[in-house]
N, C-alpha and C. Protein backbone atom coordinates (compact mmCIF):
# COMPACT_ATOMS: atom_id res chain seq x y z
N MET A 1 -134.64 23.16 -33.09
CA MET A 1 -134.82 24.51 -32.85
C MET A 1 -135.85 24.83 -34.09
N GLN A 2 -136.76 25.71 -33.93
CA GLN A 2 -137.94 26.08 -34.80
C GLN A 2 -137.52 27.59 -34.97
N VAL A 3 -137.65 27.77 -36.37
CA VAL A 3 -137.52 29.34 -36.77
C VAL A 3 -138.46 29.81 -37.53
N LYS A 4 -138.86 31.11 -37.28
CA LYS A 4 -139.70 31.83 -38.37
C LYS A 4 -138.81 32.94 -39.01
N PHE A 5 -138.74 33.20 -40.12
CA PHE A 5 -138.18 34.31 -41.15
C PHE A 5 -139.16 35.21 -41.61
N TRP A 6 -139.27 36.35 -41.32
CA TRP A 6 -140.06 37.22 -42.17
C TRP A 6 -139.27 38.07 -43.01
N PHE A 7 -140.03 38.10 -44.23
CA PHE A 7 -139.29 38.75 -45.34
C PHE A 7 -140.30 39.67 -46.23
N ASP A 8 -139.68 40.66 -46.89
CA ASP A 8 -140.50 41.42 -47.63
C ASP A 8 -139.64 41.21 -49.04
N VAL A 9 -140.08 40.74 -50.22
CA VAL A 9 -139.27 40.47 -51.56
C VAL A 9 -138.79 41.78 -52.04
N THR A 10 -139.16 43.14 -51.48
CA THR A 10 -138.36 44.17 -52.06
C THR A 10 -137.19 44.50 -51.59
N CYS A 11 -137.06 43.88 -50.13
CA CYS A 11 -135.69 44.32 -49.43
C CYS A 11 -134.68 43.50 -49.83
N PRO A 12 -133.43 44.05 -50.19
CA PRO A 12 -132.13 43.28 -50.76
C PRO A 12 -131.62 42.87 -49.55
N TRP A 13 -131.75 43.56 -48.36
CA TRP A 13 -130.78 43.20 -47.18
C TRP A 13 -131.34 41.75 -46.73
N ALA A 14 -133.03 41.76 -46.56
CA ALA A 14 -133.41 40.66 -46.29
C ALA A 14 -133.22 39.58 -47.23
N TYR A 15 -133.08 39.65 -48.28
CA TYR A 15 -132.88 38.73 -49.46
C TYR A 15 -131.47 38.19 -49.25
N VAL A 16 -130.34 38.97 -48.83
CA VAL A 16 -129.04 38.33 -48.67
C VAL A 16 -128.96 37.65 -47.41
N THR A 17 -129.61 38.22 -46.50
CA THR A 17 -129.61 37.35 -45.03
C THR A 17 -130.33 35.96 -45.30
N SER A 18 -131.43 35.83 -46.07
CA SER A 18 -132.31 34.64 -46.51
C SER A 18 -131.18 33.61 -46.96
N ARG A 19 -130.30 34.21 -47.85
CA ARG A 19 -129.47 33.15 -48.47
C ARG A 19 -128.44 32.87 -47.54
N TRP A 20 -128.14 33.61 -46.58
CA TRP A 20 -127.12 33.04 -45.49
C TRP A 20 -127.67 32.11 -44.77
N TYR A 21 -128.93 32.45 -44.34
CA TYR A 21 -129.81 31.61 -43.32
C TYR A 21 -130.10 30.39 -43.92
N SER A 22 -130.30 30.36 -45.14
CA SER A 22 -130.79 29.26 -45.88
C SER A 22 -129.81 28.28 -46.14
N LYS A 23 -128.32 28.70 -46.03
CA LYS A 23 -127.28 27.88 -46.22
C LYS A 23 -127.16 27.18 -44.85
N VAL A 24 -127.15 27.87 -43.62
CA VAL A 24 -127.29 27.44 -42.37
C VAL A 24 -128.03 26.46 -42.13
N ALA A 25 -129.45 26.78 -42.31
CA ALA A 25 -130.69 25.87 -42.07
C ALA A 25 -130.60 24.38 -42.92
N ASN A 26 -130.03 24.43 -44.17
CA ASN A 26 -129.68 23.35 -44.82
C ASN A 26 -128.65 22.51 -44.24
N GLU A 27 -127.47 23.00 -43.89
CA GLU A 27 -126.40 22.30 -43.35
C GLU A 27 -126.78 21.65 -41.78
N LEU A 28 -127.44 22.51 -41.09
CA LEU A 28 -127.99 22.07 -39.61
C LEU A 28 -129.64 21.33 -39.50
N ASN A 29 -130.28 21.23 -40.70
CA ASN A 29 -131.41 20.82 -40.71
C ASN A 29 -132.58 21.57 -39.74
N ILE A 30 -132.34 22.85 -40.02
CA ILE A 30 -133.40 23.83 -39.05
C ILE A 30 -134.75 23.79 -39.83
N SER A 31 -135.65 23.37 -38.84
CA SER A 31 -137.00 23.67 -39.30
C SER A 31 -137.48 25.12 -39.36
N THR A 32 -137.91 25.53 -40.55
CA THR A 32 -138.08 26.96 -40.91
C THR A 32 -139.53 27.07 -41.40
N GLN A 33 -140.27 28.11 -40.96
CA GLN A 33 -141.47 28.68 -41.39
C GLN A 33 -141.16 30.11 -42.20
N TRP A 34 -141.33 30.10 -43.44
CA TRP A 34 -141.23 31.60 -44.27
C TRP A 34 -142.30 32.38 -44.10
N GLU A 35 -142.15 33.54 -43.37
CA GLU A 35 -143.42 34.30 -43.10
C GLU A 35 -143.37 35.79 -43.77
N ILE A 36 -144.46 36.45 -44.12
CA ILE A 36 -144.75 37.40 -44.90
C ILE A 36 -144.61 38.70 -44.25
N PHE A 37 -143.89 39.74 -44.60
CA PHE A 37 -143.79 41.02 -43.99
C PHE A 37 -143.89 42.06 -45.06
N SER A 38 -144.91 43.13 -44.99
CA SER A 38 -145.20 43.89 -46.12
C SER A 38 -144.58 45.41 -45.55
N LEU A 39 -143.50 45.65 -46.29
CA LEU A 39 -143.14 47.14 -45.84
C LEU A 39 -144.16 48.22 -46.57
N SER A 40 -144.75 47.93 -47.42
CA SER A 40 -146.00 48.54 -48.15
C SER A 40 -147.16 49.09 -47.01
N ILE A 41 -147.62 47.74 -46.29
CA ILE A 41 -148.60 48.14 -45.37
C ILE A 41 -147.91 48.65 -44.19
N LYS A 42 -146.89 48.18 -43.76
CA LYS A 42 -146.21 48.93 -42.52
C LYS A 42 -146.20 50.41 -42.77
N ASN A 43 -145.48 50.86 -43.68
CA ASN A 43 -145.06 52.45 -43.99
C ASN A 43 -146.37 53.06 -44.57
N ARG A 44 -147.43 52.55 -44.67
CA ARG A 44 -148.27 53.40 -45.62
C ARG A 44 -149.12 54.57 -44.69
N SER A 45 -148.71 54.71 -43.31
CA SER A 45 -149.35 55.86 -42.66
C SER A 45 -148.42 56.91 -43.38
N ASN A 46 -148.86 58.24 -42.90
CA ASN A 46 -148.22 59.38 -43.26
C ASN A 46 -146.87 59.73 -42.87
N ASN A 47 -145.92 59.21 -43.55
CA ASN A 47 -144.49 59.13 -43.25
C ASN A 47 -143.92 60.11 -44.37
N LYS A 48 -143.23 61.24 -43.79
CA LYS A 48 -142.62 62.23 -44.27
C LYS A 48 -141.48 61.60 -45.38
N ASN A 49 -140.94 60.66 -44.73
CA ASN A 49 -139.69 60.38 -45.44
C ASN A 49 -140.04 58.89 -46.53
N TYR A 50 -141.49 58.79 -46.84
CA TYR A 50 -141.89 57.66 -47.56
C TYR A 50 -142.18 58.45 -49.00
N SER A 51 -141.25 58.30 -49.88
CA SER A 51 -141.35 59.01 -51.15
C SER A 51 -142.31 58.18 -52.06
N ASP A 52 -142.80 59.04 -53.22
CA ASP A 52 -143.30 58.46 -54.30
C ASP A 52 -143.06 57.38 -54.83
N GLU A 53 -141.42 57.37 -54.84
CA GLU A 53 -140.87 56.28 -55.74
C GLU A 53 -140.86 54.80 -54.72
N MET A 54 -140.62 55.24 -53.66
CA MET A 54 -140.77 53.98 -52.76
C MET A 54 -142.11 53.61 -52.51
N LYS A 55 -143.05 54.48 -52.47
CA LYS A 55 -144.53 54.03 -52.83
C LYS A 55 -144.90 53.04 -53.70
N ALA A 56 -144.59 53.52 -54.92
CA ALA A 56 -144.51 52.87 -56.16
C ALA A 56 -143.92 51.37 -56.06
N LYS A 57 -142.58 51.28 -55.43
CA LYS A 57 -141.90 50.11 -55.34
C LYS A 57 -142.55 49.23 -54.48
N HIS A 58 -143.16 49.79 -53.36
CA HIS A 58 -143.73 48.98 -52.43
C HIS A 58 -145.15 48.39 -53.07
N PHE A 59 -145.90 49.31 -53.66
CA PHE A 59 -146.96 48.88 -54.36
C PHE A 59 -147.00 47.53 -55.19
N LYS A 60 -145.71 47.51 -56.09
CA LYS A 60 -145.55 46.52 -56.67
C LYS A 60 -145.30 45.19 -56.02
N SER A 61 -144.54 45.40 -55.01
CA SER A 61 -144.28 44.33 -53.84
C SER A 61 -145.22 43.92 -53.35
N LEU A 62 -146.38 44.55 -52.84
CA LEU A 62 -147.53 44.08 -52.52
C LEU A 62 -148.21 43.32 -53.42
N ARG A 63 -148.27 43.43 -54.51
CA ARG A 63 -149.10 42.68 -55.32
C ARG A 63 -148.48 41.32 -55.29
N VAL A 64 -147.00 41.31 -55.51
CA VAL A 64 -146.26 40.03 -55.63
C VAL A 64 -146.62 39.33 -54.33
N ILE A 65 -146.72 40.03 -53.05
CA ILE A 65 -146.71 39.37 -51.79
C ILE A 65 -148.09 38.78 -51.61
N ARG A 66 -149.18 39.46 -52.51
CA ARG A 66 -150.37 38.87 -52.36
C ARG A 66 -150.39 37.14 -52.98
N MET A 67 -149.64 37.24 -54.09
CA MET A 67 -149.66 36.03 -54.38
C MET A 67 -149.04 35.01 -53.79
N ILE A 68 -147.79 35.74 -53.21
CA ILE A 68 -147.15 34.58 -52.16
C ILE A 68 -148.00 34.41 -51.03
N GLN A 69 -148.75 35.11 -50.38
CA GLN A 69 -149.63 34.82 -49.40
C GLN A 69 -150.60 33.67 -49.79
N ALA A 70 -151.06 33.75 -51.20
CA ALA A 70 -152.08 32.95 -51.48
C ALA A 70 -151.61 31.40 -51.61
N VAL A 71 -150.21 31.22 -51.84
CA VAL A 71 -149.58 30.11 -51.97
C VAL A 71 -149.47 29.79 -50.74
N LYS A 72 -149.17 30.56 -49.63
CA LYS A 72 -148.93 30.26 -48.27
C LYS A 72 -150.34 29.57 -47.61
N ASN A 73 -151.46 30.10 -48.12
CA ASN A 73 -152.64 29.81 -47.55
C ASN A 73 -152.91 28.32 -48.18
N ASN A 74 -152.33 27.82 -49.43
CA ASN A 74 -152.94 26.68 -50.02
C ASN A 74 -151.80 25.58 -50.06
N LEU A 75 -150.41 25.94 -49.96
CA LEU A 75 -149.58 24.89 -50.25
C LEU A 75 -148.49 24.90 -49.02
N ASP A 76 -147.76 23.64 -49.08
CA ASP A 76 -146.67 23.69 -48.17
C ASP A 76 -145.73 24.97 -48.18
N ASN A 77 -145.35 25.19 -47.07
CA ASN A 77 -144.53 26.44 -46.73
C ASN A 77 -143.11 26.32 -47.54
N GLU A 78 -142.69 25.26 -48.04
CA GLU A 78 -141.50 25.28 -48.83
C GLU A 78 -141.67 25.84 -50.39
N TYR A 79 -143.12 25.82 -50.59
CA TYR A 79 -143.35 26.85 -51.89
C TYR A 79 -143.35 28.39 -51.59
N VAL A 80 -143.49 28.77 -50.48
CA VAL A 80 -143.25 29.91 -50.23
C VAL A 80 -141.83 30.46 -50.25
N TYR A 81 -140.98 29.60 -49.83
CA TYR A 81 -139.53 29.62 -49.81
C TYR A 81 -138.95 29.53 -51.26
N LYS A 82 -139.51 28.79 -52.15
CA LYS A 82 -139.11 28.34 -53.59
C LYS A 82 -139.48 29.90 -54.17
N LEU A 83 -140.89 30.30 -53.95
CA LEU A 83 -141.06 31.38 -54.79
C LEU A 83 -140.50 32.45 -54.35
N TYR A 84 -140.15 32.94 -53.11
CA TYR A 84 -139.16 33.97 -52.65
C TYR A 84 -137.82 33.98 -53.13
N SER A 85 -137.38 33.05 -53.18
CA SER A 85 -135.92 32.58 -53.73
C SER A 85 -135.89 33.00 -55.32
N GLU A 86 -136.89 32.41 -55.97
CA GLU A 86 -136.90 32.79 -57.58
C GLU A 86 -137.05 34.28 -57.77
N ILE A 87 -138.17 34.84 -57.02
CA ILE A 87 -138.50 36.30 -57.32
C ILE A 87 -137.52 37.33 -56.72
N GLY A 88 -136.73 36.63 -55.69
CA GLY A 88 -135.74 37.72 -55.21
C GLY A 88 -134.59 37.65 -56.16
N LYS A 89 -134.18 36.36 -56.65
CA LYS A 89 -132.98 36.28 -57.58
C LYS A 89 -133.39 37.25 -58.88
N GLN A 90 -134.39 37.07 -59.35
CA GLN A 90 -134.88 38.03 -60.50
C GLN A 90 -134.68 39.30 -60.30
N PHE A 91 -135.20 39.87 -59.01
CA PHE A 91 -135.17 41.30 -58.63
C PHE A 91 -133.81 41.78 -58.07
N HIS A 92 -133.20 41.03 -57.19
CA HIS A 92 -132.10 41.58 -56.54
C HIS A 92 -130.79 41.12 -57.37
N VAL A 93 -130.92 39.98 -58.06
CA VAL A 93 -129.43 39.55 -58.68
C VAL A 93 -129.54 39.97 -60.01
N ASP A 94 -130.64 39.65 -60.77
CA ASP A 94 -130.91 39.77 -62.32
C ASP A 94 -131.20 41.13 -62.46
N LYS A 95 -131.44 42.01 -61.63
CA LYS A 95 -131.94 43.46 -61.57
C LYS A 95 -133.11 43.48 -62.58
N ASN A 96 -133.98 42.58 -62.70
CA ASN A 96 -135.15 42.79 -63.52
C ASN A 96 -136.49 43.31 -62.66
N GLU A 97 -137.28 43.79 -63.29
CA GLU A 97 -138.65 44.19 -62.21
C GLU A 97 -139.20 42.80 -61.48
N ILE A 98 -139.64 43.51 -60.41
CA ILE A 98 -140.00 42.29 -59.32
C ILE A 98 -141.35 41.52 -59.86
N ASP A 99 -141.99 42.19 -60.94
CA ASP A 99 -143.29 41.28 -61.23
C ASP A 99 -142.89 40.75 -62.63
N LYS A 100 -141.73 40.54 -63.12
CA LYS A 100 -141.57 40.06 -64.49
C LYS A 100 -141.67 38.78 -64.55
N ASP A 101 -142.43 38.15 -65.59
CA ASP A 101 -142.48 36.57 -65.94
C ASP A 101 -142.73 35.73 -64.65
N LEU A 102 -143.76 36.34 -63.89
CA LEU A 102 -144.33 35.76 -63.00
C LEU A 102 -144.73 34.32 -63.03
N GLY A 103 -145.48 34.14 -64.31
CA GLY A 103 -145.93 32.81 -64.77
C GLY A 103 -144.77 31.92 -64.75
N LYS A 104 -143.76 32.31 -65.34
CA LYS A 104 -142.64 31.42 -65.81
C LYS A 104 -141.92 31.01 -64.20
N ILE A 105 -141.77 31.88 -63.35
CA ILE A 105 -141.55 31.63 -61.92
C ILE A 105 -142.36 30.50 -61.47
N LEU A 106 -143.60 30.71 -61.43
CA LEU A 106 -144.20 29.95 -60.66
C LEU A 106 -144.22 28.42 -61.42
N SER A 107 -144.20 28.21 -62.58
CA SER A 107 -143.78 26.84 -63.25
C SER A 107 -142.58 26.46 -62.88
N LEU A 108 -141.36 27.27 -62.73
CA LEU A 108 -140.22 26.81 -62.14
C LEU A 108 -140.47 26.37 -60.82
N CYS A 109 -141.28 26.78 -60.15
CA CYS A 109 -141.41 26.44 -58.64
C CYS A 109 -142.42 25.31 -58.65
N ASN A 110 -142.88 24.75 -59.79
CA ASN A 110 -143.96 23.74 -59.57
C ASN A 110 -145.27 24.12 -59.09
N ILE A 111 -145.73 25.35 -59.32
CA ILE A 111 -146.92 26.12 -58.71
C ILE A 111 -147.78 26.57 -60.11
N ASP A 112 -149.20 26.08 -59.72
CA ASP A 112 -149.85 26.50 -61.02
C ASP A 112 -150.07 27.92 -61.17
N GLU A 113 -150.12 28.46 -62.36
CA GLU A 113 -150.08 29.47 -62.93
C GLU A 113 -151.40 30.24 -62.61
N SER A 114 -152.44 29.45 -62.11
CA SER A 114 -153.74 30.22 -61.52
C SER A 114 -153.53 31.08 -60.43
N TYR A 115 -152.23 31.11 -59.64
CA TYR A 115 -152.11 31.79 -58.67
C TYR A 115 -151.90 33.39 -58.92
N LEU A 116 -151.46 33.56 -60.29
CA LEU A 116 -151.39 34.93 -60.82
C LEU A 116 -152.85 35.64 -60.64
N SER A 117 -153.79 35.14 -60.57
CA SER A 117 -155.12 36.02 -60.53
C SER A 117 -155.17 36.46 -58.99
N TYR A 118 -154.09 36.15 -58.15
CA TYR A 118 -154.27 36.78 -56.72
C TYR A 118 -153.44 38.16 -56.61
N LEU A 119 -152.83 38.60 -57.59
CA LEU A 119 -151.91 39.79 -57.62
C LEU A 119 -152.88 41.04 -57.08
N ASP A 120 -153.97 41.04 -57.45
CA ASP A 120 -154.76 42.04 -57.10
C ASP A 120 -155.98 41.77 -56.19
N ASP A 121 -155.86 40.69 -55.59
CA ASP A 121 -156.91 40.38 -54.53
C ASP A 121 -156.73 41.00 -53.27
N GLU A 122 -157.35 42.00 -52.84
CA GLU A 122 -157.11 42.86 -51.93
C GLU A 122 -157.63 42.33 -50.64
N LYS A 123 -158.39 41.33 -50.81
CA LYS A 123 -158.79 40.34 -49.52
C LYS A 123 -157.75 39.67 -48.61
N LEU A 124 -156.70 39.57 -49.64
CA LEU A 124 -155.51 39.01 -49.13
C LEU A 124 -154.85 39.96 -48.05
N ASP A 125 -154.91 41.26 -48.30
CA ASP A 125 -154.20 42.27 -47.46
C ASP A 125 -154.33 41.91 -46.03
N GLU A 126 -155.47 41.38 -45.56
CA GLU A 126 -155.71 41.25 -43.98
C GLU A 126 -154.77 40.36 -43.44
N LYS A 127 -154.67 39.27 -44.13
CA LYS A 127 -153.61 38.04 -43.62
C LYS A 127 -152.23 38.68 -43.84
N ILE A 128 -151.76 39.68 -44.89
CA ILE A 128 -150.61 39.98 -44.64
C ILE A 128 -150.22 41.18 -43.82
N GLU A 129 -151.38 41.89 -43.62
CA GLU A 129 -151.14 42.90 -42.57
C GLU A 129 -151.10 42.08 -41.18
N GLN A 130 -151.85 40.88 -41.01
CA GLN A 130 -151.61 40.14 -39.60
C GLN A 130 -150.24 39.65 -39.59
N SER A 131 -149.61 39.03 -40.51
CA SER A 131 -148.45 38.24 -40.37
C SER A 131 -147.44 39.60 -40.11
N THR A 132 -147.52 40.75 -40.72
CA THR A 132 -146.55 41.88 -40.63
C THR A 132 -146.62 42.28 -38.99
N GLN A 133 -147.92 42.36 -38.50
CA GLN A 133 -148.13 42.73 -37.28
C GLN A 133 -147.57 41.61 -36.33
N ASN A 134 -147.76 40.30 -36.61
CA ASN A 134 -146.87 39.51 -35.80
C ASN A 134 -145.59 39.67 -35.59
N ALA A 135 -144.90 40.18 -36.80
CA ALA A 135 -143.43 40.39 -36.73
C ALA A 135 -143.16 41.69 -35.84
N VAL A 136 -143.93 42.53 -35.70
CA VAL A 136 -143.64 43.68 -34.87
C VAL A 136 -144.04 43.33 -33.71
N ASP A 137 -145.17 42.59 -33.23
CA ASP A 137 -145.45 42.29 -31.92
C ASP A 137 -144.28 41.52 -31.25
N VAL A 138 -143.40 40.50 -32.06
CA VAL A 138 -142.36 39.91 -31.39
C VAL A 138 -140.87 40.66 -31.43
N CYS A 139 -140.87 41.67 -32.09
CA CYS A 139 -139.63 42.41 -32.38
C CYS A 139 -139.73 43.93 -32.28
N GLY A 140 -140.57 44.44 -32.35
CA GLY A 140 -140.90 45.88 -32.04
C GLY A 140 -141.25 46.71 -33.33
N ASP A 141 -141.75 47.95 -33.24
CA ASP A 141 -142.35 48.67 -34.35
C ASP A 141 -141.24 49.46 -35.18
N ASP A 142 -140.13 49.54 -34.57
CA ASP A 142 -139.07 50.63 -35.32
C ASP A 142 -137.98 49.65 -35.96
N VAL A 143 -138.39 48.51 -36.51
CA VAL A 143 -137.51 47.87 -37.47
C VAL A 143 -138.21 47.27 -38.95
N GLY A 144 -137.58 46.88 -39.44
CA GLY A 144 -137.85 46.46 -41.00
C GLY A 144 -137.64 44.78 -40.99
N VAL A 145 -137.26 44.29 -42.11
CA VAL A 145 -136.89 43.12 -42.20
C VAL A 145 -135.39 42.97 -42.58
N PRO A 146 -134.83 41.65 -42.52
CA PRO A 146 -135.34 40.64 -42.10
C PRO A 146 -135.36 40.54 -40.43
N ILE A 147 -136.50 39.84 -39.99
CA ILE A 147 -136.63 39.55 -38.68
C ILE A 147 -136.88 38.11 -38.33
N ILE A 148 -135.97 37.74 -37.63
CA ILE A 148 -135.91 35.97 -37.35
C ILE A 148 -136.30 35.78 -35.56
N HIS A 149 -137.08 34.84 -35.81
CA HIS A 149 -137.78 34.37 -34.19
C HIS A 149 -137.13 32.94 -34.05
N LEU A 150 -136.49 32.85 -33.00
CA LEU A 150 -135.72 31.44 -32.60
C LEU A 150 -136.65 30.91 -31.54
N ASP A 151 -136.85 29.54 -31.55
CA ASP A 151 -137.54 28.89 -30.70
C ASP A 151 -136.90 27.38 -30.49
N ASP A 152 -135.90 27.23 -29.28
CA ASP A 152 -135.21 26.16 -29.20
C ASP A 152 -135.94 25.16 -28.08
N GLY A 153 -137.11 25.56 -27.92
CA GLY A 153 -137.86 24.57 -26.89
C GLY A 153 -137.84 25.00 -25.60
N GLU A 154 -136.76 25.77 -25.18
CA GLU A 154 -136.60 26.39 -23.83
C GLU A 154 -136.91 27.78 -23.84
N ASN A 155 -136.33 28.59 -25.16
CA ASN A 155 -136.37 29.88 -24.86
C ASN A 155 -136.71 30.12 -26.32
N GLN A 156 -137.50 31.44 -26.36
CA GLN A 156 -137.58 32.01 -27.62
C GLN A 156 -137.70 33.43 -27.61
N ASN A 157 -137.03 34.00 -28.87
CA ASN A 157 -136.95 35.46 -28.84
C ASN A 157 -136.95 35.65 -30.52
N ALA A 158 -137.06 36.83 -30.83
CA ALA A 158 -136.80 37.68 -32.14
C ALA A 158 -135.82 38.85 -32.21
N ILE A 159 -135.30 38.90 -33.49
CA ILE A 159 -134.65 40.12 -33.56
C ILE A 159 -134.44 40.50 -34.94
N PHE A 160 -134.14 41.72 -35.15
CA PHE A 160 -133.92 42.20 -36.50
C PHE A 160 -132.60 41.93 -36.93
N GLY A 161 -132.42 41.47 -38.20
CA GLY A 161 -131.02 41.21 -38.70
C GLY A 161 -130.74 39.61 -38.59
N PRO A 162 -129.71 39.45 -38.92
CA PRO A 162 -128.39 40.08 -39.04
C PRO A 162 -128.49 40.99 -40.48
N ILE A 163 -128.00 42.09 -40.66
CA ILE A 163 -127.99 42.74 -41.94
C ILE A 163 -126.28 42.46 -42.45
N ILE A 164 -126.09 41.94 -43.27
CA ILE A 164 -124.84 41.61 -44.01
C ILE A 164 -124.88 41.88 -45.53
N SER A 165 -123.83 42.27 -45.98
CA SER A 165 -123.68 42.66 -47.21
C SER A 165 -123.46 41.63 -48.46
N GLU A 166 -123.01 40.30 -48.10
CA GLU A 166 -122.80 39.50 -48.64
C GLU A 166 -122.76 37.95 -47.85
N VAL A 167 -122.99 36.95 -48.89
CA VAL A 167 -123.33 35.76 -48.04
C VAL A 167 -121.93 35.19 -47.72
N PRO A 168 -121.53 34.75 -46.40
CA PRO A 168 -120.32 34.30 -46.06
C PRO A 168 -120.24 32.62 -46.62
N ASN A 169 -118.97 32.22 -46.55
CA ASN A 169 -118.67 30.86 -46.88
C ASN A 169 -119.42 29.82 -46.00
N LEU A 170 -119.51 28.61 -45.97
CA LEU A 170 -120.29 27.82 -45.07
C LEU A 170 -119.41 27.75 -43.36
N GLU A 171 -118.28 27.75 -43.43
CA GLU A 171 -117.92 27.68 -42.09
C GLU A 171 -118.04 29.11 -41.40
N ASP A 172 -118.10 30.22 -42.06
CA ASP A 172 -117.96 31.45 -41.59
C ASP A 172 -119.72 31.73 -41.12
N SER A 173 -120.50 31.06 -42.12
CA SER A 173 -121.96 31.31 -41.88
C SER A 173 -122.38 30.63 -40.76
N ILE A 174 -121.77 29.28 -40.32
CA ILE A 174 -122.35 28.84 -39.10
C ILE A 174 -121.61 29.38 -37.91
N LYS A 175 -120.60 30.13 -37.99
CA LYS A 175 -119.78 30.74 -36.93
C LYS A 175 -120.97 32.06 -36.68
N LEU A 176 -121.18 32.80 -37.84
CA LEU A 176 -122.29 33.86 -37.71
C LEU A 176 -123.26 33.47 -36.95
N TRP A 177 -123.82 32.21 -37.27
CA TRP A 177 -125.32 31.68 -36.71
C TRP A 177 -125.07 31.70 -35.20
N GLU A 178 -124.06 31.11 -34.82
CA GLU A 178 -123.66 30.77 -33.26
C GLU A 178 -123.85 32.07 -32.70
N HIS A 179 -123.20 33.05 -33.14
CA HIS A 179 -123.06 34.44 -32.64
C HIS A 179 -124.64 35.07 -32.45
N PHE A 180 -125.19 34.78 -33.63
CA PHE A 180 -126.56 35.35 -34.09
C PHE A 180 -127.45 34.65 -32.85
N LYS A 181 -127.20 33.59 -32.82
CA LYS A 181 -128.14 32.89 -31.83
C LYS A 181 -128.19 33.58 -30.47
N TYR A 182 -126.73 33.74 -29.87
CA TYR A 182 -126.51 33.99 -28.54
C TYR A 182 -127.10 35.50 -28.22
N VAL A 183 -126.98 36.45 -29.30
CA VAL A 183 -127.52 37.85 -29.41
C VAL A 183 -128.87 37.89 -29.37
N CYS A 184 -129.59 36.92 -30.05
CA CYS A 184 -131.22 36.63 -30.14
C CYS A 184 -131.62 36.46 -28.88
N PHE A 185 -131.05 35.36 -28.23
CA PHE A 185 -131.73 34.88 -26.93
C PHE A 185 -131.41 35.85 -25.94
N ASN A 186 -130.33 36.77 -26.02
CA ASN A 186 -129.68 37.59 -24.69
C ASN A 186 -130.64 38.72 -24.60
N GLU A 187 -131.80 38.71 -23.61
CA GLU A 187 -132.79 39.69 -23.58
C GLU A 187 -131.93 41.24 -23.36
N ASN A 188 -130.62 41.27 -22.85
CA ASN A 188 -129.88 42.22 -22.25
C ASN A 188 -129.52 43.24 -23.66
N VAL A 189 -129.52 42.42 -24.91
CA VAL A 189 -129.12 42.98 -26.09
C VAL A 189 -130.22 43.41 -27.01
N ALA A 190 -130.40 45.01 -27.40
CA ALA A 190 -131.44 45.46 -28.18
C ALA A 190 -130.84 46.17 -29.38
N GLU A 191 -129.62 46.26 -29.71
CA GLU A 191 -129.38 46.86 -30.59
C GLU A 191 -127.84 46.86 -30.78
N LEU A 192 -127.41 46.44 -32.14
CA LEU A 192 -126.00 46.67 -32.68
C LEU A 192 -126.08 47.23 -33.95
N LYS A 193 -125.21 48.32 -34.14
CA LYS A 193 -125.25 48.91 -35.57
C LYS A 193 -123.89 49.60 -35.90
N ARG A 194 -123.64 49.84 -37.10
CA ARG A 194 -122.44 50.59 -37.43
C ARG A 194 -122.62 50.82 -38.97
N LYS A 195 -121.76 51.84 -39.51
CA LYS A 195 -121.99 51.80 -41.05
C LYS A 195 -121.50 50.93 -41.97
N ARG A 196 -122.12 50.68 -43.10
CA ARG A 196 -121.83 49.50 -43.94
C ARG A 196 -120.33 49.86 -44.90
N SER A 197 -119.44 49.00 -44.73
CA SER A 197 -118.04 49.21 -45.34
C SER A 197 -117.83 48.22 -46.62
N ILE A 198 -119.12 47.49 -46.58
CA ILE A 198 -118.62 46.40 -47.76
C ILE A 198 -119.77 46.39 -48.52
N PRO A 199 -119.94 46.61 -50.02
CA PRO A 199 -121.08 46.73 -50.73
C PRO A 199 -121.75 45.76 -50.92
N LEU A 200 -123.23 46.01 -51.11
CA LEU A 200 -124.11 44.82 -51.33
C LEU A 200 -123.91 44.09 -52.57
N ASN A 201 -123.76 42.63 -52.22
CA ASN A 201 -123.57 41.83 -52.98
C ASN A 201 -124.65 40.70 -52.84
N PRO A 202 -125.55 40.41 -53.78
CA PRO A 202 -126.63 39.69 -53.50
C PRO A 202 -126.48 38.39 -54.21
N THR A 203 -125.46 38.11 -54.93
CA THR A 203 -125.20 36.84 -55.69
C THR A 203 -124.56 35.72 -54.55
N VAL A 204 -124.92 34.66 -54.93
CA VAL A 204 -124.67 33.34 -53.95
C VAL A 204 -123.81 32.62 -54.75
N ASP A 205 -122.61 31.97 -54.43
CA ASP A 205 -121.82 31.11 -55.10
C ASP A 205 -122.44 29.60 -54.96
């Protein structure tokens, strides 16, 4: 199985899903490419529901994503995952600013602090936009993240989700993965949705 997982560091739901997926991928030894998605770029059109607060949040996210894109351009994909994990924990679990202590985070990930210079490098936006468009192309324009693309060598497809409020234990994570694969590969299924009944909990045991 080959998997592509698109994320935006701003999205708490993508972060929780990534912790679930990582647990499954580690257990089942699934080959994964971590791909970049920018809600800032996707939503920069004149959207009446795109508030000034959200614009500011996504601008900060875009600066961080530029740094991650530079890492993706030059280093192995595992460093993209490490960086996403550390920044995601800082933002979603520890409730710090998304761009706090990035030099320290780079060091924790064994990445040179020179990558801080890419935060305001707008030349990277083209690749970020292309990666975002790649996700839209495989899944549709009316979704955000997470987007997960599966390729088992015979079939391939992508789907938005799953949106989960907390990370299940390993047994339940594997069960969810098996159901997720079936839904993802089933072309007859386009959407499943209901109200959220469990509070968001991004912490991982």
